[in-house]
């Protein structure tokens, strides 16, 4: 069993700790007031005022739930759009980019391979036309 308040005060006085400027009767009265308040609080919680605080907690929980619904409700269209883009659009863009790179490679290959032949043919035809023109005139 733990020592009572009187015994604690007696031991404190005997060991020379003092009461911090308070008399023993003030300390005992403060302790009695504190314990009475704690007992009343427990009694109120068991006899119905606990239901009031439960109602307050329920109101706060509902308010927090409404705030969450409002925030997620505003957030949902953005996430739905991002999901749509990621699923249906970005894949097509990536496929198009691969296709465009392949077209660019083929175009470059064709240009480097056949452009000299084209320019040679054009130049040859120009020279032929100039010779024929000179003969004619």
N, C-alpha and C. Protein backbone atom coordinates (compact mmCIF):
# COMPACT_ATOMS: atom_id res chain seq x y z
N UNK A 1 0.84 -1.18 0.00
CA UNK A 1 0.00 0.00 0.00
C UNK A 1 0.88 1.24 0.00
N UNK A 2 0.51 2.21 -0.83
CA UNK A 2 1.31 3.42 -0.90
C UNK A 2 1.03 4.31 0.30
N UNK A 3 2.03 5.12 0.69
CA UNK A 3 1.82 6.00 1.85
C UNK A 3 0.82 7.09 1.52
N UNK A 4 0.10 7.55 2.50
CA UNK A 4 -0.90 8.58 2.30
C UNK A 4 -0.25 9.96 2.17
N UNK A 5 -1.10 10.95 1.94
CA UNK A 5 -0.62 12.31 1.76
C UNK A 5 0.03 12.84 3.03
N UNK A 6 -0.57 12.52 4.17
CA UNK A 6 -0.03 13.01 5.45
C UNK A 6 1.38 12.47 5.67
N UNK A 7 1.57 11.19 5.36
CA UNK A 7 2.89 10.58 5.56
C UNK A 7 3.91 11.20 4.60
N UNK A 8 3.50 11.47 3.36
CA UNK A 8 4.41 12.10 2.39
C UNK A 8 4.82 13.48 2.88
N UNK A 9 3.87 14.26 3.37
CA UNK A 9 4.19 15.60 3.88
C UNK A 9 5.12 15.52 5.09
N UNK A 10 4.87 14.56 5.96
CA UNK A 10 5.70 14.39 7.17
C UNK A 10 7.13 14.05 6.76
N UNK A 11 7.31 13.12 5.80
CA UNK A 11 8.64 12.73 5.34
C UNK A 11 9.34 13.90 4.65
N UNK A 12 8.59 14.69 3.90
CA UNK A 12 9.15 15.84 3.22
C UNK A 12 9.67 16.85 4.24
N UNK A 13 8.92 17.06 5.29
CA UNK A 13 9.32 18.02 6.32
C UNK A 13 10.53 17.50 7.09
N UNK A 14 10.54 16.19 7.37
CA UNK A 14 11.64 15.61 8.13
C UNK A 14 12.96 15.69 7.35
N UNK A 15 12.89 15.52 6.03
CA UNK A 15 14.12 15.51 5.24
C UNK A 15 14.57 16.92 4.88
N UNK A 16 13.85 17.95 5.31
CA UNK A 16 14.28 19.32 5.12
C UNK A 16 14.01 19.85 3.73
N UNK A 17 13.11 19.21 2.97
CA UNK A 17 12.82 19.70 1.63
C UNK A 17 11.93 20.93 1.66
N UNK A 18 11.12 21.03 2.67
CA UNK A 18 10.21 22.17 2.75
C UNK A 18 9.04 21.99 1.80
N UNK A 19 8.17 22.95 1.80
CA UNK A 19 6.96 22.89 0.99
C UNK A 19 6.94 23.97 -0.10
N UNK A 20 8.06 24.55 -0.39
CA UNK A 20 8.14 25.54 -1.45
C UNK A 20 7.41 26.83 -1.09
N UNK A 21 7.42 27.21 0.17
CA UNK A 21 6.78 28.46 0.58
C UNK A 21 5.32 28.28 0.95
N UNK A 22 4.79 27.07 0.86
CA UNK A 22 3.39 26.82 1.22
C UNK A 22 3.33 26.12 2.57
N UNK A 23 2.22 26.34 3.26
CA UNK A 23 2.04 25.63 4.54
C UNK A 23 1.47 24.25 4.24
N UNK A 24 1.57 23.37 5.21
CA UNK A 24 1.08 22.01 5.04
C UNK A 24 -0.42 22.00 4.82
N UNK A 25 -1.14 22.88 5.50
CA UNK A 25 -2.60 22.91 5.35
C UNK A 25 -3.00 23.35 3.93
N UNK A 26 -2.24 24.31 3.35
CA UNK A 26 -2.52 24.73 1.97
C UNK A 26 -2.30 23.58 0.99
N UNK A 27 -1.25 22.84 1.20
CA UNK A 27 -0.96 21.73 0.31
C UNK A 27 -2.04 20.66 0.43
N UNK A 28 -2.46 20.35 1.66
CA UNK A 28 -3.51 19.35 1.86
C UNK A 28 -4.81 19.82 1.22
N UNK A 29 -5.16 21.08 1.38
CA UNK A 29 -6.40 21.61 0.79
C UNK A 29 -6.35 21.57 -0.74
N UNK A 30 -5.20 21.93 -1.32
CA UNK A 30 -5.05 21.89 -2.78
C UNK A 30 -5.20 20.46 -3.28
N UNK A 31 -4.60 19.51 -2.55
CA UNK A 31 -4.72 18.12 -2.95
C UNK A 31 -6.16 17.63 -2.87
N UNK A 32 -6.87 18.03 -1.81
CA UNK A 32 -8.27 17.63 -1.66
C UNK A 32 -9.13 18.20 -2.79
N UNK A 33 -8.89 19.45 -3.15
CA UNK A 33 -9.65 20.07 -4.25
C UNK A 33 -9.38 19.33 -5.55
N UNK A 34 -8.12 19.04 -5.78
CA UNK A 34 -7.76 18.33 -7.02
C UNK A 34 -8.41 16.95 -7.08
N UNK A 35 -8.32 16.20 -5.98
CA UNK A 35 -8.93 14.86 -5.99
C UNK A 35 -10.44 14.95 -6.13
N UNK A 36 -11.07 15.96 -5.53
CA UNK A 36 -12.53 16.11 -5.66
C UNK A 36 -12.89 16.40 -7.13
N UNK A 37 -12.11 17.24 -7.78
CA UNK A 37 -12.37 17.53 -9.20
C UNK A 37 -12.22 16.28 -10.06
N UNK A 38 -11.20 15.47 -9.78
CA UNK A 38 -10.99 14.25 -10.56
C UNK A 38 -12.13 13.26 -10.35
N UNK A 39 -12.58 13.13 -9.10
CA UNK A 39 -13.69 12.21 -8.81
C UNK A 39 -14.95 12.70 -9.50
N UNK A 40 -15.21 14.00 -9.47
CA UNK A 40 -16.39 14.55 -10.15
C UNK A 40 -16.31 14.33 -11.67
N UNK A 41 -15.13 14.48 -12.23
CA UNK A 41 -14.98 14.28 -13.66
C UNK A 41 -15.29 12.83 -14.04
N UNK A 42 -14.79 11.89 -13.25
CA UNK A 42 -15.07 10.48 -13.52
C UNK A 42 -16.56 10.21 -13.36
N UNK A 43 -17.16 10.77 -12.32
CA UNK A 43 -18.60 10.58 -12.08
C UNK A 43 -19.43 11.14 -13.24
N UNK A 44 -19.06 12.33 -13.73
CA UNK A 44 -19.79 12.93 -14.85
C UNK A 44 -19.65 12.07 -16.11
N UNK A 45 -18.47 11.54 -16.33
CA UNK A 45 -18.25 10.73 -17.52
C UNK A 45 -19.09 9.46 -17.47
N UNK A 46 -19.27 8.90 -16.27
CA UNK A 46 -20.05 7.66 -16.16
C UNK A 46 -21.55 7.93 -16.14
N UNK A 47 -21.97 9.13 -15.80
CA UNK A 47 -23.39 9.39 -15.64
C UNK A 47 -23.96 10.31 -16.71
N UNK A 48 -23.51 10.21 -17.93
CA UNK A 48 -24.23 10.90 -19.00
C UNK A 48 -23.48 12.00 -19.71
N UNK A 49 -22.59 12.71 -19.04
CA UNK A 49 -21.87 13.75 -19.76
C UNK A 49 -20.85 13.16 -20.72
N UNK A 50 -20.50 11.90 -20.50
CA UNK A 50 -19.65 11.20 -21.45
C UNK A 50 -20.35 11.06 -22.79
N UNK A 51 -21.68 10.91 -22.73
CA UNK A 51 -22.45 10.84 -23.97
C UNK A 51 -22.37 12.16 -24.73
N UNK A 52 -22.32 13.26 -23.98
CA UNK A 52 -22.20 14.57 -24.64
C UNK A 52 -20.88 14.65 -25.40
N UNK A 53 -19.80 14.20 -24.78
CA UNK A 53 -18.51 14.25 -25.44
C UNK A 53 -18.45 13.25 -26.59
N UNK A 54 -19.15 12.14 -26.45
CA UNK A 54 -19.21 11.20 -27.57
C UNK A 54 -19.92 11.85 -28.75
N UNK A 55 -20.97 12.62 -28.46
CA UNK A 55 -21.69 13.34 -29.52
C UNK A 55 -20.77 14.37 -30.18
N UNK A 56 -19.99 15.06 -29.36
CA UNK A 56 -19.05 16.04 -29.91
C UNK A 56 -18.03 15.35 -30.80
N UNK A 57 -17.49 14.21 -30.34
CA UNK A 57 -16.54 13.46 -31.15
C UNK A 57 -17.16 13.02 -32.47
N UNK A 58 -18.42 12.58 -32.40
CA UNK A 58 -19.13 12.16 -33.61
C UNK A 58 -19.30 13.34 -34.58
N UNK A 59 -19.62 14.52 -34.05
CA UNK A 59 -19.77 15.70 -34.90
C UNK A 59 -18.45 16.05 -35.58
N UNK A 60 -17.37 15.99 -34.82
CA UNK A 60 -16.06 16.28 -35.41
C UNK A 60 -15.69 15.24 -36.46
N UNK A 61 -16.00 13.97 -36.18
CA UNK A 61 -15.71 12.92 -37.15
C UNK A 61 -16.50 13.14 -38.44
N UNK A 62 -17.77 13.51 -38.31
CA UNK A 62 -18.58 13.79 -39.50
C UNK A 62 -18.03 14.99 -40.27
N UNK A 63 -17.65 16.04 -39.54
CA UNK A 63 -17.10 17.22 -40.21
C UNK A 63 -15.81 16.87 -40.96
N UNK A 64 -14.94 16.09 -40.32
CA UNK A 64 -13.70 15.69 -40.99
C UNK A 64 -13.99 14.83 -42.21
N UNK A 65 -15.00 13.95 -42.10
CA UNK A 65 -15.37 13.12 -43.24
C UNK A 65 -15.91 13.96 -44.39
N UNK A 66 -16.70 14.99 -44.07
CA UNK A 66 -17.21 15.89 -45.12
C UNK A 66 -16.07 16.65 -45.79
N UNK A 67 -15.10 17.09 -45.00
CA UNK A 67 -13.95 17.80 -45.57
C UNK A 67 -13.17 16.86 -46.50
N UNK A 68 -12.97 15.61 -46.06
CA UNK A 68 -12.27 14.65 -46.91
C UNK A 68 -13.03 14.40 -48.20
N UNK A 69 -14.35 14.25 -48.11
CA UNK A 69 -15.15 14.05 -49.31
C UNK A 69 -15.03 15.25 -50.25
N UNK A 70 -15.05 16.45 -49.67
CA UNK A 70 -14.96 17.65 -50.51
C UNK A 70 -13.59 17.71 -51.20
N UNK A 71 -12.52 17.43 -50.46
CA UNK A 71 -11.18 17.50 -51.04
C UNK A 71 -11.00 16.42 -52.10
N UNK A 72 -11.37 15.17 -51.77
CA UNK A 72 -11.22 14.10 -52.76
C UNK A 72 -12.16 14.28 -53.93
N UNK A 73 -13.34 14.86 -53.67
CA UNK A 73 -14.26 15.13 -54.77
C UNK A 73 -13.69 16.15 -55.74
N UNK A 74 -12.97 17.13 -55.23
CA UNK A 74 -12.34 18.12 -56.11
C UNK A 74 -11.10 17.54 -56.79
N UNK A 75 -10.47 16.58 -56.13
CA UNK A 75 -9.24 16.00 -56.65
C UNK A 75 -9.52 14.94 -57.70
N UNK A 76 -10.68 14.29 -57.62
CA UNK A 76 -10.99 13.15 -58.47
C UNK A 76 -10.98 13.48 -59.96
N UNK A 77 -11.58 14.59 -60.44
CA UNK A 77 -11.53 14.84 -61.89
C UNK A 77 -10.10 14.95 -62.43
N UNK A 78 -9.21 15.54 -61.66
CA UNK A 78 -7.81 15.65 -62.11
C UNK A 78 -7.17 14.26 -62.22
N UNK A 79 -7.40 13.43 -61.23
CA UNK A 79 -6.80 12.09 -61.28
C UNK A 79 -7.45 11.26 -62.38
N UNK A 80 -8.76 11.42 -62.59
CA UNK A 80 -9.42 10.67 -63.65
C UNK A 80 -8.86 11.08 -65.01
N UNK A 81 -8.63 12.38 -65.21
CA UNK A 81 -8.06 12.86 -66.47
C UNK A 81 -6.64 12.34 -66.66
N UNK A 82 -5.84 12.37 -65.61
CA UNK A 82 -4.47 11.86 -65.71
C UNK A 82 -4.47 10.36 -66.03
N UNK A 83 -5.38 9.61 -65.41
CA UNK A 83 -5.45 8.19 -65.68
C UNK A 83 -5.87 7.94 -67.13
N UNK A 84 -6.83 8.74 -67.62
CA UNK A 84 -7.26 8.61 -69.01
C UNK A 84 -6.10 8.90 -69.96
N UNK A 85 -5.37 10.00 -69.69
CA UNK A 85 -4.23 10.34 -70.55
C UNK A 85 -3.17 9.25 -70.53
N UNK A 86 -2.87 8.75 -69.34
CA UNK A 86 -1.84 7.73 -69.22
C UNK A 86 -2.27 6.45 -69.94
N UNK A 87 -3.55 6.11 -69.85
CA UNK A 87 -4.02 4.85 -70.42
C UNK A 87 -4.19 4.93 -71.93
N UNK A 88 -4.82 5.99 -72.42
CA UNK A 88 -5.23 6.01 -73.81
C UNK A 88 -4.41 6.96 -74.70
N UNK A 89 -3.85 8.01 -74.15
CA UNK A 89 -3.21 9.01 -74.99
C UNK A 89 -1.69 8.84 -75.00
N UNK A 90 -1.08 8.71 -73.86
CA UNK A 90 0.38 8.67 -73.82
C UNK A 90 0.93 7.48 -74.60
N UNK A 91 0.25 6.33 -74.54
CA UNK A 91 0.73 5.17 -75.27
C UNK A 91 0.70 5.44 -76.77
N UNK A 92 -0.38 6.09 -77.22
CA UNK A 92 -0.47 6.42 -78.65
C UNK A 92 0.61 7.42 -79.04
N UNK A 93 0.88 8.39 -78.16
CA UNK A 93 1.95 9.35 -78.46
C UNK A 93 3.30 8.67 -78.53
N UNK A 94 3.54 7.72 -77.64
CA UNK A 94 4.82 7.02 -77.66
C UNK A 94 4.93 6.19 -78.94
N UNK A 95 3.82 5.51 -79.31
CA UNK A 95 3.84 4.74 -80.56
C UNK A 95 4.05 5.65 -81.76
N UNK A 96 3.41 6.81 -81.76
CA UNK A 96 3.59 7.76 -82.86
C UNK A 96 5.03 8.25 -82.91
N UNK A 97 5.64 8.49 -81.75
CA UNK A 97 7.03 8.95 -81.73
C UNK A 97 7.95 7.90 -82.34
N UNK A 98 7.73 6.62 -82.01
CA UNK A 98 8.54 5.56 -82.62
C UNK A 98 8.32 5.54 -84.13
N UNK A 99 7.08 5.64 -84.55
CA UNK A 99 6.77 5.64 -85.99
C UNK A 99 7.44 6.81 -86.68
N UNK A 100 7.36 8.02 -86.06
CA UNK A 100 7.95 9.21 -86.67
C UNK A 100 9.47 9.07 -86.76
N UNK A 101 10.10 8.48 -85.76
CA UNK A 101 11.54 8.26 -85.83
C UNK A 101 11.89 7.31 -86.97
N UNK A 102 11.09 6.27 -87.12
CA UNK A 102 11.34 5.33 -88.23
C UNK A 102 11.18 6.01 -89.58
N UNK A 103 10.14 6.85 -89.72
CA UNK A 103 9.93 7.58 -90.98
C UNK A 103 11.11 8.50 -91.24
N UNK A 104 11.58 9.18 -90.21
CA UNK A 104 12.71 10.09 -90.39
C UNK A 104 13.96 9.32 -90.82
N UNK A 105 14.18 8.14 -90.22
CA UNK A 105 15.34 7.33 -90.62
C UNK A 105 15.24 6.90 -92.07
N UNK A 106 14.04 6.43 -92.45
CA UNK A 106 13.87 5.97 -93.84
C UNK A 106 14.01 7.14 -94.82
N UNK A 107 13.47 8.28 -94.46
CA UNK A 107 13.57 9.46 -95.34
C UNK A 107 15.03 9.87 -95.52
N UNK A 108 15.76 9.87 -94.42
CA UNK A 108 17.17 10.24 -94.48
C UNK A 108 17.96 9.23 -95.32
N UNK A 109 17.66 7.94 -95.11
CA UNK A 109 18.33 6.93 -95.90
C UNK A 109 18.03 7.11 -97.39
N UNK A 110 16.77 7.33 -97.72
CA UNK A 110 16.38 7.52 -99.12
C UNK A 110 17.07 8.75 -99.70
N UNK A 111 17.10 9.85 -98.94
CA UNK A 111 17.73 11.09 -99.42
C UNK A 111 19.21 10.88 -99.68
N UNK A 112 19.89 10.25 -98.73
CA UNK A 112 21.34 10.05 -98.89
C UNK A 112 21.66 9.06 -100.01
N UNK A 113 20.78 8.10 -100.20
CA UNK A 113 21.06 7.08 -101.22
C UNK A 113 20.71 7.56 -102.62
N UNK A 114 19.54 8.16 -102.80
CA UNK A 114 19.05 8.44 -104.15
C UNK A 114 19.15 9.91 -104.57
N UNK A 115 19.48 10.82 -103.70
CA UNK A 115 19.58 12.23 -104.08
C UNK A 115 20.69 12.47 -105.11
N UNK A 116 21.84 11.88 -104.93
CA UNK A 116 22.87 12.08 -105.96
C UNK A 116 22.42 11.60 -107.34
N UNK A 117 21.70 10.50 -107.42
CA UNK A 117 21.20 10.01 -108.70
C UNK A 117 20.20 11.00 -109.30
N UNK A 118 19.33 11.56 -108.43
CA UNK A 118 18.34 12.52 -108.94
C UNK A 118 19.02 13.77 -109.48
N UNK A 119 19.97 14.30 -108.71
CA UNK A 119 20.65 15.51 -109.18
C UNK A 119 21.46 15.21 -110.45
N UNK A 120 22.07 14.02 -110.54
CA UNK A 120 22.81 13.66 -111.75
C UNK A 120 21.86 13.59 -112.95
N UNK A 121 20.65 13.00 -112.75
CA UNK A 121 19.69 12.89 -113.83
C UNK A 121 19.21 14.28 -114.28
N UNK A 122 18.95 15.16 -113.33
CA UNK A 122 18.51 16.52 -113.67
C UNK A 122 19.60 17.26 -114.42
N UNK A 123 20.83 17.15 -113.92
CA UNK A 123 21.95 17.83 -114.58
C UNK A 123 22.19 17.25 -115.98
N UNK A 124 22.09 15.93 -116.11
CA UNK A 124 22.28 15.30 -117.42
C UNK A 124 21.20 15.77 -118.40
N UNK A 125 19.95 15.82 -117.95
CA UNK A 125 18.87 16.28 -118.82
C UNK A 125 19.07 17.74 -119.21
N UNK A 126 19.56 18.57 -118.29
CA UNK A 126 19.81 19.98 -118.60
C UNK A 126 20.90 20.11 -119.68
N UNK A 127 21.96 19.35 -119.49
CA UNK A 127 23.04 19.38 -120.49
C UNK A 127 22.54 18.88 -121.85
N UNK A 128 21.75 17.82 -121.86
CA UNK A 128 21.21 17.28 -123.11
C UNK A 128 20.31 18.31 -123.79
N UNK A 129 19.45 18.96 -122.98
CA UNK A 129 18.57 19.99 -123.55
C UNK A 129 19.38 21.17 -124.11
N UNK A 130 20.45 21.55 -123.43
CA UNK A 130 21.28 22.66 -123.91
C UNK A 130 21.97 22.26 -125.22
N UNK A 131 22.45 21.02 -125.33
CA UNK A 131 23.08 20.57 -126.58
C UNK A 131 22.08 20.53 -127.73
N UNK A 132 20.91 19.99 -127.45
CA UNK A 132 19.89 19.95 -128.50
C UNK A 132 19.47 21.35 -128.93
N UNK A 133 19.37 22.26 -127.97
CA UNK A 133 19.02 23.65 -128.28
C UNK A 133 20.08 24.28 -129.16
N UNK A 134 21.36 24.00 -128.85
CA UNK A 134 22.46 24.56 -129.63
C UNK A 134 22.44 24.01 -131.05
N UNK A 135 22.12 22.74 -131.21
CA UNK A 135 22.02 22.17 -132.55
C UNK A 135 20.89 22.81 -133.33
N UNK A 136 19.79 22.98 -132.63
CA UNK A 136 18.60 23.51 -133.29
C UNK A 136 18.81 24.94 -133.75
N UNK A 137 19.46 25.73 -132.94
CA UNK A 137 19.65 27.14 -133.30
C UNK A 137 20.87 27.27 -134.15
